[in-house]
């Protein structure tokens, strides 16, 4: 029988099913402080599928958890400019590997033993730091046994007496959007049933663990249509969601967009009927036609619709529906004293073509919801001046147009940033074919750019029941038995999801953990900046200079982070 190997890797170093355990080490040292979770990954080679792997950990305490790492596919690389490389035929030179490949991401908890499915496997070990009053080093011995052979590994944890507060009202604002239909599908439960609310609360708590403190409520989830087809607020359902969010630890609430683009090609059947089928030579031409039409239209669409009723904003009914929704929601917020913790979106990602209709929507919402701050993920700044209280451009849009956004800050407006299917290239984002350090630097970014007061990503749980681990990555948008691929709808790998469905509970991933680590670092940087701003600046200059200019070597990051822990603890 082939002897198996086991070795340790830094949890921020991407590993793959074909990673050679010989590249790792038998012992590893990490550092942390009170309120943080230190971790390490274990790579296993030479396993016999079906024969169990057991893990024993001995140390000063038993407050640790073990997770089996699940690999996800990267079917198409992130594009250098937009979505995937396929869309614009733009090769992205700044990826960790060329697609297709598998990379470990999802953390599935186990206790002591699991059964490997393949000849390789990976494990994550997580250990919290608590009650540290002075600097100390804790030693944990890890024994991994398989087929009668035991490999022994050692983890050293340098603990510091600095402290990280829990995510909440006074920490950096961070939100992921939840797609509730997909959660219900993944757990095979009826939406709004008692079991659904149990699962949803577990998702919220997983998000808070990852330092999310803002919960986004999509308005189409809490508005029904009355017998006349007009929007009516379901106060009971909205109250249930809000109570769940606040009980889970969410400090702030965000209202999803009232309206969305009115795009004819979003109706696939109508699109197919419009094609000149007689002159189509092969099925790939349909995918090509959809790709070109959908994105040309996306850039030029000028109309919007109310998301609940579907009424166009160019009609009297559309205006009336929007006004009614805003008024009903505002009355609810006032009645329940929620105005101070609520921000509101009007139309997700307005661009130049949508500027006239966006201003119309904006005026209506401001009139009906006075005093509520409006926050919009936006593709452009100009020509949307004087519409937003909180600007939320992509990290690339912000970095390339800092003068514009600084001028808005000078007028008393605020700034968040977001990532989604863009940017690619060498920008910070949290896609699967990017270094995990990029998520850490998203946490550091508010220290480099003090105007940034929040971070948003749309894809918290955007997956479907079929092929859960596959469809959150670059995927075909058609149903199982449709055979005309619409490649334009590819999302970059990892864009749609950062929390995954397990067995009756959600699973975190290496990317959510990296983002959590970065946000914990932000707390330390903020503390140190009060007494030693020059030290903070020196650290930033060494590892995070811009959203597109940062350190990619994990060993360099670990060295700087240890210096940060020492400096904060001394102060």
Protein backbone atom coordinates (compact mmCIF):
# COMPACT_ATOMS: atom_id res chain seq x y z
CA UNK A 1 0.00 0.00 0.00
CA UNK A 2 1.28 3.44 -0.91
CA UNK A 3 2.28 5.48 2.13
CA UNK A 4 0.32 8.69 2.55
CA UNK A 5 1.87 12.12 3.22
CA UNK A 6 0.57 15.08 5.26
CA UNK A 7 1.94 18.60 5.59
CA UNK A 8 0.94 22.10 6.68
CA UNK A 9 0.20 25.13 4.50
CA UNK A 10 -0.74 28.68 5.40
CA UNK A 11 -4.52 29.09 5.25
CA UNK A 12 -4.09 32.03 2.85
CA UNK A 13 -2.07 29.99 0.36
CA UNK A 14 -4.31 28.54 -2.37
CA UNK A 15 -4.06 24.75 -2.56
CA UNK A 16 -5.52 22.37 -5.09
CA UNK A 17 -6.35 18.66 -5.30
CA UNK A 18 -3.07 18.17 -7.19
CA UNK A 19 -0.94 20.11 -4.67
CA UNK A 20 2.06 18.05 -3.59
CA UNK A 21 2.17 17.62 0.18
CA UNK A 22 5.96 17.63 -0.08
CA UNK A 23 5.72 21.38 -0.77
CA UNK A 24 4.39 21.93 2.75
CA UNK A 25 6.05 21.67 6.15
CA UNK A 26 5.83 19.51 9.27
CA UNK A 27 5.57 22.54 11.56
CA UNK A 28 4.12 26.01 11.09
CA UNK A 29 3.85 29.22 13.10
CA UNK A 30 1.01 31.75 12.98
CA UNK A 31 0.13 34.74 15.12
CA UNK A 32 -3.10 36.26 16.40
CA UNK A 33 -4.74 38.07 19.30
CA UNK A 34 -7.86 38.00 21.44
CA UNK A 35 -11.02 37.81 19.36
CA UNK A 36 -9.35 36.24 16.31
CA UNK A 37 -9.19 32.72 14.94
CA UNK A 38 -5.86 31.28 13.87
CA UNK A 39 -5.74 28.47 11.38
CA UNK A 40 -3.68 26.20 9.17
CA UNK A 41 -4.41 23.88 6.25
CA UNK A 42 -3.27 20.26 6.00
CA UNK A 43 -2.67 18.70 2.58
CA UNK A 44 -2.93 14.92 2.27
CA UNK A 45 -1.54 12.82 -0.61
CA UNK A 46 -1.45 9.10 -1.24
CA UNK A 47 -4.82 8.27 0.33
CA UNK A 48 -6.84 5.14 -0.37
CA UNK A 49 -10.42 6.22 -1.11
CA UNK A 50 -12.86 4.71 1.35
CA UNK A 51 -10.35 4.17 4.15
CA UNK A 52 -11.03 6.76 6.90
CA UNK A 53 -8.74 9.61 7.89
CA UNK A 54 -8.70 10.50 11.58
CA UNK A 55 -7.39 13.69 13.17
CA UNK A 56 -6.31 14.12 16.80
CA UNK A 57 -5.17 17.47 18.23
CA UNK A 58 -3.42 17.86 21.56
CA UNK A 59 -2.66 21.23 23.11
CA UNK A 60 -3.37 23.57 26.01
CA UNK A 61 -7.13 23.47 25.35
CA UNK A 62 -9.70 21.77 23.14
CA UNK A 63 -11.32 24.90 21.70
CA UNK A 64 -10.67 24.08 18.07
CA UNK A 65 -12.59 22.90 15.04
CA UNK A 66 -11.61 20.78 12.07
CA UNK A 67 -13.02 21.15 8.57
CA UNK A 68 -12.75 19.14 5.40
CA UNK A 69 -11.91 21.41 2.47
CA UNK A 70 -14.11 20.95 -0.60
CA UNK A 71 -12.74 21.81 -4.03
CA UNK A 72 -14.69 24.02 -6.45
CA UNK A 73 -14.25 24.25 -10.23
CA UNK A 74 -12.90 27.25 -12.08
CA UNK A 75 -14.26 26.48 -15.53
CA UNK A 76 -13.35 29.80 -17.15
CA UNK A 77 -10.87 32.40 -15.91
CA UNK A 78 -11.98 35.85 -14.78
CA UNK A 79 -11.70 38.35 -17.60
CA UNK A 80 -9.16 41.13 -17.56
CA UNK A 81 -11.96 43.64 -18.17
CA UNK A 82 -15.39 42.09 -17.66
CA UNK A 83 -16.93 38.85 -16.42
CA UNK A 84 -14.92 35.99 -17.95
CA UNK A 85 -12.20 35.82 -20.56
CA UNK A 86 -14.70 34.37 -23.01
CA UNK A 87 -16.85 37.48 -23.18
CA UNK A 88 -14.26 39.92 -24.52
CA UNK A 89 -11.55 37.41 -25.49
CA UNK A 90 -9.27 39.23 -23.05
CA UNK A 91 -6.67 36.99 -21.46
CA UNK A 92 -6.17 37.78 -17.78
CA UNK A 93 -2.50 37.46 -16.86
CA UNK A 94 -3.25 37.97 -13.16
CA UNK A 95 -4.81 34.68 -12.10
CA UNK A 96 -3.39 32.01 -9.82
CA UNK A 97 -3.91 29.28 -12.46
CA UNK A 98 -5.16 28.82 -15.98
CA UNK A 99 -8.66 27.34 -16.17
CA UNK A 100 -10.00 24.75 -16.01
CA UNK A 101 -8.87 23.67 -12.56
CA UNK A 102 -10.19 22.83 -9.10
CA UNK A 103 -9.29 24.79 -5.99
CA UNK A 104 -10.08 24.13 -2.34
CA UNK A 105 -12.53 26.66 -0.93
CA UNK A 106 -15.54 25.35 1.04
CA UNK A 107 -15.08 24.42 4.72
CA UNK A 108 -17.21 21.47 5.82
CA UNK A 109 -16.91 20.66 9.55
CA UNK A 110 -16.15 17.16 10.80
CA UNK A 111 -15.25 15.72 14.18
CA UNK A 112 -12.18 13.48 14.31
CA UNK A 113 -12.83 11.33 11.24
CA UNK A 114 -13.90 11.51 7.59
CA UNK A 115 -13.84 9.19 4.59
CA UNK A 116 -11.80 10.43 1.62
CA UNK A 117 -13.32 10.17 -1.83
CA UNK A 118 -10.06 10.60 -3.73
CA UNK A 119 -6.35 9.95 -3.30
CA UNK A 120 -5.87 13.54 -2.08
CA UNK A 121 -7.72 15.60 0.52
CA UNK A 122 -7.28 18.79 2.51
CA UNK A 123 -8.19 19.77 6.07
CA UNK A 124 -8.56 23.15 7.79
CA UNK A 125 -7.89 23.57 11.51
CA UNK A 126 -9.30 26.65 13.29
CA UNK A 127 -8.30 27.68 16.82
CA UNK A 128 -9.67 30.78 18.63
CA UNK A 129 -7.57 33.01 20.82
CA UNK A 130 -9.14 34.07 24.13
CA UNK A 131 -8.02 35.25 27.57
CA UNK A 132 -4.50 36.17 26.48
CA UNK A 133 -3.15 38.69 29.02
CA UNK A 134 0.49 38.76 27.87
CA UNK A 135 2.36 37.49 24.84
CA UNK A 136 2.70 33.72 24.81
CA UNK A 137 3.20 30.80 22.42
CA UNK A 138 0.77 27.88 22.41
CA UNK A 139 1.77 24.55 20.85
CA UNK A 140 -0.67 22.11 19.26
CA UNK A 141 0.32 18.62 18.13
CA UNK A 142 -1.74 17.35 15.20
CA UNK A 143 -1.83 13.61 14.44
CA UNK A 144 -3.32 12.50 11.12
CA UNK A 145 -3.88 8.73 10.79
CA UNK A 146 -4.79 6.77 7.66
CA UNK A 147 -4.54 3.05 6.93
CA UNK A 148 -2.58 2.43 10.11
CA UNK A 149 0.01 5.14 9.44
CA UNK A 150 0.21 8.32 11.53
CA UNK A 151 1.77 11.61 10.46
CA UNK A 152 2.55 14.12 13.21
CA UNK A 153 2.49 17.86 12.63
CA UNK A 154 3.07 20.84 14.93
CA UNK A 155 1.30 24.20 14.97
CA UNK A 156 2.80 27.06 16.98
CA UNK A 157 0.49 29.98 17.77
CA UNK A 158 2.03 33.26 18.91
CA UNK A 159 -0.73 34.93 20.92
CA UNK A 160 -0.84 38.66 21.71
CA UNK A 161 -2.92 40.55 24.29
CA UNK A 162 -4.43 42.98 21.78
CA UNK A 163 -8.18 42.53 21.25
CA UNK A 164 -10.53 42.58 18.28
CA UNK A 165 -14.15 43.63 18.96
CA UNK A 166 -16.99 41.59 17.56
CA UNK A 167 -18.60 42.86 14.37
CA UNK A 168 -21.37 45.28 15.23
CA UNK A 169 -22.50 48.87 15.34
CA UNK A 170 -19.01 50.35 15.73
CA UNK A 171 -17.11 48.22 13.21
CA UNK A 172 -16.59 48.75 9.49
CA UNK A 173 -19.81 48.32 7.49
CA UNK A 174 -19.89 45.20 5.33
CA UNK A 175 -22.76 43.54 3.45
CA UNK A 176 -23.37 40.52 1.22
CA UNK A 177 -26.74 40.15 -0.47
CA UNK A 178 -28.69 36.95 0.25
CA UNK A 179 -30.80 35.32 -2.48
CA UNK A 180 -33.54 33.71 -0.41
CA UNK A 181 -35.08 31.61 -3.19
CA UNK A 182 -31.76 29.86 -3.69
CA UNK A 183 -31.41 29.15 0.03
CA UNK A 184 -34.88 27.60 0.06
CA UNK A 185 -34.05 25.50 -3.01
CA UNK A 186 -30.73 24.31 -1.63
CA UNK A 187 -32.31 23.16 1.65
CA UNK A 188 -35.49 21.85 0.06
CA UNK A 189 -37.74 23.90 2.30
CA UNK A 190 -40.65 26.20 1.63
CA UNK A 191 -39.72 29.86 1.80
CA UNK A 192 -41.14 31.57 4.93
CA UNK A 193 -41.78 28.22 6.64
CA UNK A 194 -40.50 27.74 10.22
CA UNK A 195 -37.59 25.61 8.97
CA UNK A 196 -36.66 28.26 6.41
CA UNK A 197 -36.34 30.91 9.13
CA UNK A 198 -34.15 28.55 11.17
CA UNK A 199 -31.84 28.08 8.17
CA UNK A 200 -31.86 31.82 7.37
CA UNK A 201 -30.82 32.70 10.92
CA UNK A 202 -27.91 30.28 10.64
CA UNK A 203 -26.84 32.03 7.45
CA UNK A 204 -27.03 35.39 9.16
CA UNK A 205 -24.90 34.14 12.04
CA UNK A 206 -22.32 32.73 9.62
CA UNK A 207 -22.23 36.14 7.95
CA UNK A 208 -21.76 37.93 11.28
CA UNK A 209 -18.94 35.51 12.10
CA UNK A 210 -17.37 36.68 8.84
CA UNK A 211 -17.76 40.26 10.18
CA UNK A 212 -20.81 41.24 8.14
CA UNK A 213 -22.85 43.76 10.12
CA UNK A 214 -25.32 45.03 7.49
CA UNK A 215 -28.24 42.92 6.24
CA UNK A 216 -29.77 43.64 2.84
CA UNK A 217 -33.53 43.09 2.46
CA UNK A 218 -34.66 42.72 -1.14
CA UNK A 219 -37.93 44.62 -1.38
CA UNK A 220 -39.54 42.10 -3.73
CA UNK A 221 -39.36 39.69 -0.77
CA UNK A 222 -41.47 41.90 1.50
CA UNK A 223 -43.95 43.46 -0.95
CA UNK A 224 -46.92 41.45 -2.21
CA UNK A 225 -49.45 42.42 -4.88
CA UNK A 226 -53.01 43.19 -3.85
CA UNK A 227 -56.07 42.06 -5.80
CA UNK A 228 -55.54 44.96 -8.21
CA UNK A 229 -51.92 44.04 -8.86
CA UNK A 230 -50.51 46.92 -6.84
CA UNK A 231 -47.63 46.62 -4.33
CA UNK A 232 -48.53 46.16 -0.67
CA UNK A 233 -45.97 45.91 2.15
CA UNK A 234 -46.07 42.63 4.07
CA UNK A 235 -45.24 44.08 7.47
CA UNK A 236 -45.38 40.75 9.27
CA UNK A 237 -42.76 39.22 6.98
CA UNK A 238 -40.53 42.30 7.06
CA UNK A 239 -40.69 42.33 10.86
CA UNK A 240 -39.75 38.64 11.02
CA UNK A 241 -36.69 39.20 8.80
CA UNK A 242 -35.57 42.27 10.74
CA UNK A 243 -35.97 40.55 14.11
CA UNK A 244 -33.93 37.63 12.80
CA UNK A 245 -31.19 39.91 11.50
CA UNK A 246 -30.88 41.91 14.70
CA UNK A 247 -30.95 38.80 16.89
CA UNK A 248 -28.13 37.36 14.76
CA UNK A 249 -25.96 40.42 15.37
CA UNK A 250 -26.64 42.59 12.33
CA UNK A 251 -26.37 46.23 13.37
CA UNK A 252 -27.62 47.89 10.17
CA UNK A 253 -30.27 47.25 7.54
CA UNK A 254 -30.29 48.01 3.84
CA UNK A 255 -33.29 48.18 1.54
CA UNK A 256 -32.83 46.52 -1.84
CA UNK A 257 -33.58 48.38 -5.05
CA UNK A 258 -37.15 49.46 -5.80
CA UNK A 259 -36.53 49.21 -9.56
CA UNK A 260 -34.46 47.40 -12.16
CA UNK A 261 -33.50 47.71 -15.80
CA UNK A 262 -36.19 46.92 -18.36
CA UNK A 263 -34.19 44.72 -20.78
CA UNK A 264 -36.11 43.00 -23.62
CA UNK A 265 -33.50 40.27 -24.04
CA UNK A 266 -34.00 39.17 -20.44
CA UNK A 267 -36.96 37.32 -21.96
CA UNK A 268 -35.09 34.41 -23.54
CA UNK A 269 -38.10 33.09 -25.46
CA UNK A 270 -38.65 36.45 -27.15
CA UNK A 271 -34.96 36.66 -27.93
CA UNK A 272 -34.93 33.25 -29.63
CA UNK A 273 -37.99 34.15 -31.64
CA UNK A 274 -36.24 37.28 -32.89
CA UNK A 275 -33.28 35.34 -34.29
CA UNK A 276 -33.00 34.60 -38.00
CA UNK A 277 -32.98 30.84 -37.55
CA UNK A 278 -32.81 30.09 -41.27
CA UNK A 279 -29.38 31.68 -41.50
CA UNK A 280 -27.94 30.15 -38.32
CA UNK A 281 -25.40 27.51 -39.30
CA UNK A 282 -24.70 25.97 -35.87
CA UNK A 283 -25.96 26.26 -32.28
CA UNK A 284 -22.89 28.22 -31.15
CA UNK A 285 -24.11 31.17 -33.17
CA UNK A 286 -27.08 31.50 -30.83
CA UNK A 287 -24.77 31.84 -27.86
CA UNK A 288 -22.66 34.38 -29.74
CA UNK A 289 -25.73 36.39 -30.74
CA UNK A 290 -27.03 36.43 -27.18
CA UNK A 291 -23.62 37.49 -25.88
CA UNK A 292 -23.39 40.46 -28.20
CA UNK A 293 -27.03 41.53 -27.91
CA UNK A 294 -27.32 41.22 -24.14
CA UNK A 295 -24.28 43.31 -23.33
CA UNK A 296 -24.78 45.89 -26.03
CA UNK A 297 -28.27 46.39 -24.66
CA UNK A 298 -27.08 46.40 -21.03
CA UNK A 299 -24.90 49.38 -21.79
CA UNK A 300 -27.63 51.29 -23.63
CA UNK A 301 -30.94 50.44 -21.93
CA UNK A 302 -32.76 53.61 -20.84
CA UNK A 303 -35.92 52.30 -19.16
CA UNK A 304 -36.57 50.81 -15.72
CA UNK A 305 -39.43 48.92 -14.12
CA UNK A 306 -40.80 48.54 -10.61
CA UNK A 307 -39.50 45.16 -9.45
CA UNK A 308 -42.68 44.04 -7.71
CA UNK A 309 -45.37 45.01 -10.21
CA UNK A 310 -43.24 45.15 -13.35
CA UNK A 311 -44.75 48.51 -14.34
CA UNK A 312 -42.38 50.68 -16.45
CA UNK A 313 -41.31 53.97 -14.89
CA UNK A 314 -42.34 55.78 -18.08
CA UNK A 315 -45.99 55.06 -17.23
CA UNK A 316 -48.24 56.71 -14.66
CA UNK A 317 -48.77 53.33 -13.04
CA UNK A 318 -45.04 52.78 -12.65
CA UNK A 319 -44.63 56.14 -10.94
CA UNK A 320 -47.63 55.47 -8.72
CA UNK A 321 -46.34 52.02 -7.71
CA UNK A 322 -42.91 53.36 -6.83
CA UNK A 323 -44.37 56.25 -4.83
CA UNK A 324 -46.69 53.91 -2.96
CA UNK A 325 -43.90 51.44 -2.12
CA UNK A 326 -41.58 54.16 -0.84
CA UNK A 327 -44.35 55.73 1.26
CA UNK A 328 -45.39 52.39 2.80
CA UNK A 329 -41.80 51.45 3.62
CA UNK A 330 -41.04 54.86 5.13
CA UNK A 331 -44.12 54.72 7.36
CA UNK A 332 -42.99 51.30 8.60
CA UNK A 333 -39.46 52.53 9.33
CA UNK A 334 -40.76 55.51 11.26
CA UNK A 335 -43.23 53.42 13.24
CA UNK A 336 -40.49 50.98 14.26
CA UNK A 337 -37.69 53.54 14.86
CA UNK A 338 -35.47 52.09 12.14
CA UNK A 339 -34.65 55.20 10.11
CA UNK A 340 -31.23 55.66 11.72
CA UNK A 341 -29.98 52.19 10.78
CA UNK A 342 -31.58 51.93 7.32
CA UNK A 343 -30.06 52.84 3.94
CA UNK A 344 -31.99 52.51 0.70
CA UNK A 345 -31.16 51.55 -2.91
CA UNK A 346 -33.24 52.86 -5.82
CA UNK A 347 -31.82 51.16 -8.95
CA UNK A 348 -28.87 48.78 -8.87
CA UNK A 349 -25.87 49.91 -10.95
CA UNK A 350 -27.13 53.01 -12.78
CA UNK A 351 -24.92 54.08 -15.68
CA UNK A 352 -24.90 57.05 -18.06
CA UNK A 353 -27.69 55.69 -20.25
CA UNK A 354 -29.97 55.31 -17.22
CA UNK A 355 -29.22 58.77 -15.80
CA UNK A 356 -32.56 60.43 -16.78
CA UNK A 357 -34.75 57.62 -15.45
CA UNK A 358 -32.53 57.23 -12.37
CA UNK A 359 -32.97 60.90 -11.48
CA UNK A 360 -36.72 60.46 -11.79
CA UNK A 361 -36.68 57.42 -9.49
CA UNK A 362 -34.36 59.22 -7.10
CA UNK A 363 -36.66 62.26 -6.83
CA UNK A 364 -39.68 60.10 -6.05
CA UNK A 365 -37.90 58.07 -3.36
CA UNK A 366 -36.40 61.19 -1.73
CA UNK A 367 -39.81 62.84 -1.62
CA UNK A 368 -41.44 59.81 0.02
CA UNK A 369 -38.54 58.83 2.33
CA UNK A 370 -37.09 62.12 3.64
CA UNK A 371 -33.96 61.71 5.72
CA UNK A 372 -33.23 58.13 4.62
CA UNK A 373 -29.72 57.87 3.16
CA UNK A 374 -29.63 56.58 -0.41
CA UNK A 375 -26.82 54.16 -1.25
CA UNK A 376 -26.29 52.86 -4.77
CA UNK A 377 -23.79 50.44 -6.29
CA UNK A 378 -22.99 52.55 -9.33
CA UNK A 379 -21.05 51.98 -12.53
CA UNK A 380 -20.21 55.66 -12.94
CA UNK A 381 -19.94 58.86 -10.91
CA UNK A 382 -20.60 61.64 -13.38
CA UNK A 383 -23.34 62.37 -14.60
CA UNK A 384 -25.10 61.19 -11.41
CA UNK A 385 -24.06 64.13 -9.23
CA UNK A 386 -26.44 65.25 -6.47
CA UNK A 387 -28.38 61.99 -6.41
CA UNK A 388 -26.66 59.89 -3.73
CA UNK A 389 -25.91 60.22 -0.06
CA UNK A 390 -23.57 57.23 -0.17
CA UNK A 391 -21.65 56.50 -3.36
CA UNK A 392 -20.70 52.88 -3.93
CA UNK A 393 -18.49 52.48 -7.03
CA UNK A 394 -16.41 49.41 -7.80
CA UNK A 395 -12.91 49.50 -6.39
CA UNK A 396 -11.58 50.09 -9.92
CA UNK A 397 -14.07 52.89 -10.69
CA UNK A 398 -13.14 54.56 -7.40
CA UNK A 399 -9.39 54.24 -7.83
CA UNK A 400 -9.48 55.53 -11.39
CA UNK A 401 -11.70 58.52 -10.46
CA UNK A 402 -10.61 59.49 -6.97
CA UNK A 403 -10.77 63.22 -7.68
CA UNK A 404 -14.47 62.97 -8.52
CA UNK A 405 -15.36 60.99 -5.40
CA UNK A 406 -13.20 63.21 -3.20
CA UNK A 407 -15.17 66.18 -4.48
CA UNK A 408 -18.40 64.45 -3.43
CA UNK A 409 -16.97 63.67 0.00
CA UNK A 410 -16.12 67.38 0.34
CA UNK A 411 -19.84 68.11 -0.16
CA UNK A 412 -20.73 65.92 2.81
CA UNK A 413 -21.56 62.72 0.94
CA UNK A 414 -20.19 59.30 1.93
CA UNK A 415 -18.36 56.50 0.16
CA UNK A 416 -18.55 52.71 0.05
CA UNK A 417 -16.91 50.46 -2.55
CA UNK A 418 -17.99 47.16 -4.03
CA UNK A 419 -16.77 44.23 -6.09
CA UNK A 420 -18.77 41.82 -8.21
CA UNK A 421 -18.07 40.23 -11.59
CA UNK A 422 -15.66 43.14 -12.03
CA UNK A 423 -12.97 44.18 -11.63
CA UNK A 424 -10.64 41.47 -12.87
CA UNK A 425 -7.04 41.96 -13.96
CA UNK A 426 -4.83 42.74 -10.94
CA UNK A 427 -7.54 44.40 -8.83
CA UNK A 428 -8.65 43.23 -5.42
CA UNK A 429 -11.71 41.03 -5.62
CA UNK A 430 -12.77 37.72 -4.11
CA UNK A 431 -12.98 35.41 -7.11
CA UNK A 432 -11.74 31.83 -7.05
CA UNK A 433 -8.85 32.28 -9.47
CA UNK A 434 -7.37 35.12 -7.39
CA UNK A 435 -4.97 35.05 -4.44
CA UNK A 436 -6.68 34.84 -1.06
CA UNK A 437 -4.58 37.83 -0.02
CA UNK A 438 -6.72 40.00 -2.28
CA UNK A 439 -9.61 39.49 0.15
CA UNK A 440 -7.33 40.41 3.04
CA UNK A 441 -6.39 43.66 1.30
CA UNK A 442 -10.07 44.53 0.85
CA UNK A 443 -10.12 44.64 4.65
CA UNK A 444 -7.03 46.86 4.77
CA UNK A 445 -8.28 49.26 2.09
CA UNK A 446 -10.16 51.72 4.37
CA UNK A 447 -6.86 52.48 6.08
CA UNK A 448 -5.24 53.36 2.73
CA UNK A 449 -8.40 55.21 1.61
CA UNK A 450 -9.90 56.81 4.75
CA UNK A 451 -12.99 58.03 2.85
CA UNK A 452 -14.22 54.44 2.41
CA UNK A 453 -16.76 53.60 5.12
CA UNK A 454 -18.32 50.39 3.79
CA UNK A 455 -17.93 47.40 1.45
CA UNK A 456 -20.61 45.60 -0.57
CA UNK A 457 -20.73 42.41 -2.61
CA UNK A 458 -23.91 41.25 -4.28
CA UNK A 459 -23.24 37.50 -4.25
CA UNK A 460 -23.75 36.06 -0.81
CA UNK A 461 -25.83 32.98 -1.69
CA UNK A 462 -26.48 33.07 -5.43
CA UNK A 463 -26.58 29.38 -6.31
CA UNK A 464 -29.20 26.90 -7.39
CA UNK A 465 -30.26 23.55 -6.06
CA UNK A 466 -28.82 21.54 -8.95
CA UNK A 467 -25.06 21.23 -8.71
CA UNK A 468 -24.70 23.63 -5.78
CA UNK A 469 -20.91 23.58 -5.74
CA UNK A 470 -20.69 23.99 -9.50
CA UNK A 471 -23.28 26.58 -10.42
CA UNK A 472 -21.95 29.33 -8.19
CA UNK A 473 -18.85 29.48 -10.37
CA UNK A 474 -18.66 30.21 -14.09
CA UNK A 475 -21.79 28.50 -15.29
CA UNK A 476 -24.24 28.13 -18.14
CA UNK A 477 -27.40 30.07 -17.48
CA UNK A 478 -29.75 27.66 -19.23
CA UNK A 479 -31.79 24.98 -17.52
CA UNK A 480 -30.59 21.39 -17.54
CA UNK A 481 -32.28 20.43 -20.81
CA UNK A 482 -31.63 23.57 -22.83
CA UNK A 483 -28.81 23.08 -25.28
CA UNK A 484 -28.04 26.57 -26.56
CA UNK A 485 -25.36 27.93 -24.22
CA UNK A 486 -25.61 31.60 -23.37
CA UNK A 487 -21.96 32.20 -22.57
CA UNK A 488 -22.59 35.89 -22.00
CA UNK A 489 -24.20 35.04 -18.70
CA UNK A 490 -21.05 33.46 -17.29
CA UNK A 491 -20.23 34.81 -13.87
CA UNK A 492 -16.57 34.73 -12.86
CA UNK A 493 -15.79 31.76 -10.62
CA UNK A 494 -16.82 32.55 -7.05
CA UNK A 495 -18.68 35.77 -7.84
CA UNK A 496 -22.12 34.52 -6.89
CA UNK A 497 -21.49 32.88 -3.56
CA UNK A 498 -19.42 33.14 -0.40
CA UNK A 499 -21.65 31.04 1.93
CA UNK A 500 -22.52 27.50 0.86
CA UNK A 501 -25.28 25.04 1.77
CA UNK A 502 -24.25 22.24 4.09
CA UNK A 503 -26.46 19.77 5.92
CA UNK A 504 -29.00 22.00 7.65
CA UNK A 505 -26.49 24.83 8.06
CA UNK A 506 -24.37 27.09 5.87
CA UNK A 507 -20.66 26.61 5.21
CA UNK A 508 -18.02 29.33 5.15
CA UNK A 509 -15.11 29.27 2.70
CA UNK A 510 -11.45 30.21 2.43
CA UNK A 511 -12.42 33.50 0.76
CA UNK A 512 -14.85 34.51 3.51
CA UNK A 513 -12.16 33.61 6.05
CA UNK A 514 -9.57 35.72 4.22
CA UNK A 515 -11.96 38.67 4.17
CA UNK A 516 -12.64 38.18 7.89
CA UNK A 517 -8.90 38.19 8.60
CA UNK A 518 -8.49 41.43 6.64
CA UNK A 519 -11.32 43.09 8.57
CA UNK A 520 -9.81 41.94 11.85
CA UNK A 521 -6.54 43.51 10.72
CA UNK A 522 -8.45 46.73 10.04
CA UNK A 523 -9.46 46.88 13.71
CA UNK A 524 -5.80 46.56 14.70
CA UNK A 525 -4.67 49.13 12.15
CA UNK A 526 -7.31 51.55 13.41
CA UNK A 527 -6.11 51.13 16.99
CA UNK A 528 -2.46 51.61 16.04
CA UNK A 529 -3.23 54.60 13.83
CA UNK A 530 -4.44 56.54 16.88
CA UNK A 531 -0.99 56.44 18.50
CA UNK A 532 1.50 55.60 15.72
CA UNK A 533 0.14 56.66 12.32
CA UNK A 534 3.64 56.59 10.84
CA UNK A 535 3.91 52.86 11.58
CA UNK A 536 0.60 52.21 9.88
CA UNK A 537 1.71 54.18 6.83
CA UNK A 538 4.95 52.21 6.66
CA UNK A 539 3.05 48.92 6.74
CA UNK A 540 0.67 50.07 4.02
CA UNK A 541 3.58 51.16 1.83
CA UNK A 542 5.12 47.72 2.15
CA UNK A 543 2.10 45.55 1.42
CA UNK A 544 -0.96 47.49 0.19
CA UNK A 545 -0.36 50.51 -2.00
CA UNK A 546 -3.47 50.45 -4.21
CA UNK A 547 -6.39 48.20 -5.06
CA UNK A 548 -4.28 47.08 -8.03
CA UNK A 549 -0.84 47.24 -6.39
CA UNK A 550 -0.29 44.96 -3.41
CA UNK A 551 1.87 42.20 -1.96
CA UNK A 552 1.07 38.66 -3.09
CA UNK A 553 3.61 36.79 -0.95
CA UNK A 554 1.87 35.31 2.10
CA UNK A 555 5.15 35.13 4.07
CA UNK A 556 5.61 38.90 3.68
CA UNK A 557 2.05 39.50 4.87
CA UNK A 558 2.54 37.26 7.91
CA UNK A 559 5.68 39.16 8.87
CA UNK A 560 3.95 42.54 8.66
CA UNK A 561 0.89 41.26 10.50
CA UNK A 562 3.05 40.02 13.36
CA UNK A 563 4.64 43.46 13.56
CA UNK A 564 1.14 44.93 13.70
CA UNK A 565 0.13 42.61 16.54
CA UNK A 566 3.29 43.47 18.49
CA UNK A 567 2.84 47.21 17.99
CA UNK A 568 -0.81 47.24 19.06
CA UNK A 569 -0.10 45.04 22.07
CA UNK A 570 2.73 47.33 23.20
CA UNK A 571 0.48 50.37 22.92
